[in-house]
Amino acid sequence: QVQLVESGGGLVQAGGSLRLSCTASGIDTFSNEMLGWYRQAPGKQREAVALIKRDGSTDYAPAVQGRFTISKDNAKNMVYLQMNSLKPEDTATYYCKITRLTPWGQGTRVTVAS
C-alpha cells in the first residue's frame, strides 16, 4: 500500500519562502517514477504545480515558473517543493503524488498573507 505524507506547510508573508517535503512509503520503484506536486485552493479544482521525471527533468505550471523548484531524493523516497516569492494566490493545500498511481496524501496547508 503506497502512502504519501506531506509536511512543511504553514503561514508565511507574501514574498516569503517555504519548503514542502513528501515521503513515500510502500513503493520500491520510487526512483523510476514521475512525481508531482499539486495544489487545491478553496473552491477551486486541484491543479498540477510541478512535475519531476525519472531523469530529473522538470515541468512547472506557468503561475509558479521561476519561483518554485521541485526536487527529489531517491535514496530517501522523498520529493520536495521549494517555494520562493510566495504570493497570496499560492494559498492552497499542497499534495504530492506518484503520477501513475491513485493514492493521495493528506496534504499540507500553505497560507500566504498579503
Protein backbone atom coordinates (compact mmCIF):
# COMPACT_ATOMS: atom_id res chain seq x y z
CA GLN A 1 0.00 0.00 0.00
CA VAL A 2 1.57 3.24 -1.16
CA GLN A 3 1.40 6.06 1.36
CA LEU A 4 2.37 9.69 0.91
CA VAL A 5 2.93 12.11 3.75
CA GLU A 6 3.39 15.81 3.08
CA SER A 7 4.81 18.34 5.52
CA GLY A 8 6.27 21.82 5.67
CA GLY A 9 3.22 23.97 5.11
CA GLY A 10 2.32 26.96 7.23
CA LEU A 11 1.57 30.65 7.32
CA VAL A 12 4.01 32.97 5.56
CA GLN A 13 4.03 36.59 4.48
CA ALA A 14 3.91 37.46 0.81
CA GLY A 15 7.42 37.34 -0.62
CA GLY A 16 8.47 34.64 1.81
CA SER A 17 9.55 31.06 1.25
CA LEU A 18 8.55 27.58 2.32
CA ARG A 19 9.93 24.14 1.59
CA LEU A 20 7.47 21.30 1.36
CA SER A 21 8.52 17.70 1.81
CA CYS A 22 6.81 14.46 0.89
CA THR A 23 7.78 10.97 1.98
CA ALA A 24 6.61 7.96 0.03
CA SER A 25 6.40 4.50 1.53
CA GLY A 26 5.21 1.15 0.26
CA ILE A 27 6.91 1.51 -3.11
CA ASP A 28 10.21 0.16 -4.38
CA THR A 29 10.11 1.83 -7.79
CA PHE A 30 10.32 5.39 -6.49
CA SER A 31 13.45 6.25 -8.44
CA ASN A 32 11.73 5.29 -11.72
CA GLU A 33 8.54 7.20 -11.09
CA MET A 34 7.32 10.58 -12.28
CA LEU A 35 6.39 12.61 -9.23
CA GLY A 36 4.29 15.70 -8.88
CA TRP A 37 3.16 18.44 -6.58
CA TYR A 38 -0.43 19.59 -6.89
CA ARG A 39 -2.49 22.18 -5.06
CA GLN A 40 -6.12 22.88 -4.38
CA ALA A 41 -7.33 26.28 -3.30
CA PRO A 42 -10.71 26.69 -1.59
CA GLY A 43 -13.50 26.45 -4.14
CA LYS A 44 -11.15 25.53 -6.96
CA GLN A 45 -10.12 22.34 -8.70
CA ARG A 46 -6.88 20.60 -7.88
CA GLU A 47 -4.12 21.61 -10.28
CA ALA A 48 -0.65 20.41 -11.11
CA VAL A 49 2.11 22.71 -9.89
CA ALA A 50 5.33 20.88 -10.69
CA LEU A 51 6.44 17.54 -12.08
CA ILE A 52 9.77 15.73 -11.97
CA LYS A 53 10.51 12.81 -14.23
CA ARG A 54 12.71 9.81 -13.53
CA ASP A 55 15.63 11.50 -15.28
CA GLY A 56 15.27 14.59 -13.11
CA SER A 57 13.80 16.83 -15.78
CA THR A 58 11.08 19.14 -14.54
CA ASP A 59 7.96 20.95 -15.67
CA TYR A 60 6.14 23.79 -13.94
CA ALA A 61 2.80 25.47 -14.17
CA PRO A 62 3.18 28.96 -15.66
CA ALA A 63 1.92 30.53 -12.44
CA VAL A 64 4.89 29.17 -10.45
CA GLN A 65 7.63 29.04 -13.10
CA GLY A 66 10.76 30.71 -11.80
CA ARG A 67 9.54 30.75 -8.19
CA PHE A 68 9.09 27.08 -7.31
CA THR A 69 11.60 24.25 -7.61
CA ILE A 70 10.78 20.55 -7.42
CA SER A 71 13.49 18.07 -6.46
CA LYS A 72 13.75 14.53 -5.18
CA ASP A 73 15.97 12.26 -3.14
CA ASN A 74 15.62 8.73 -4.45
CA ALA A 75 17.63 7.28 -1.57
CA LYS A 76 15.09 8.65 0.91
CA ASN A 77 11.95 8.25 -1.21
CA MET A 78 11.32 11.94 -0.81
CA VAL A 79 10.22 14.75 -3.08
CA TYR A 80 10.47 18.42 -2.23
CA LEU A 81 8.97 21.69 -3.36
CA GLN A 82 10.94 24.84 -2.66
CA MET A 83 8.60 27.80 -2.92
CA ASN A 84 10.04 31.30 -3.11
CA SER A 85 8.50 34.72 -3.65
CA LEU A 86 5.19 33.41 -2.42
CA LYS A 87 2.01 35.25 -3.34
CA PRO A 88 -1.42 35.24 -1.70
CA GLU A 89 -2.73 33.34 -4.72
CA ASP A 90 -0.41 30.46 -3.80
CA THR A 91 -2.61 29.81 -0.78
CA ALA A 92 -3.84 26.22 -1.06
CA THR A 93 -3.47 22.72 0.25
CA TYR A 94 -0.49 21.09 -1.44
CA TYR A 95 -0.31 17.42 -2.28
CA CYS A 96 2.39 15.18 -3.68
CA LYS A 97 1.65 12.24 -5.91
CA ILE A 98 3.28 9.45 -7.81
CA THR A 99 1.60 10.38 -11.04
CA ARG A 100 0.76 6.91 -12.34
CA LEU A 101 -0.74 5.76 -9.04
CA THR A 102 -4.03 6.60 -7.38
CA PRO A 103 -3.18 7.44 -3.77
CA TRP A 104 -3.01 10.99 -2.49
CA GLY A 105 -1.54 12.14 0.80
CA GLN A 106 -3.41 14.22 3.33
CA GLY A 107 -1.85 17.39 2.00
CA THR A 108 -0.15 20.28 3.74
CA ARG A 109 -1.77 23.67 4.04
CA VAL A 110 0.02 26.79 2.79
CA THR A 111 -1.35 30.20 3.61
CA VAL A 112 0.28 33.34 2.20
CA ALA A 113 -0.72 36.55 3.90
CA SER A 114 -0.68 39.80 1.98
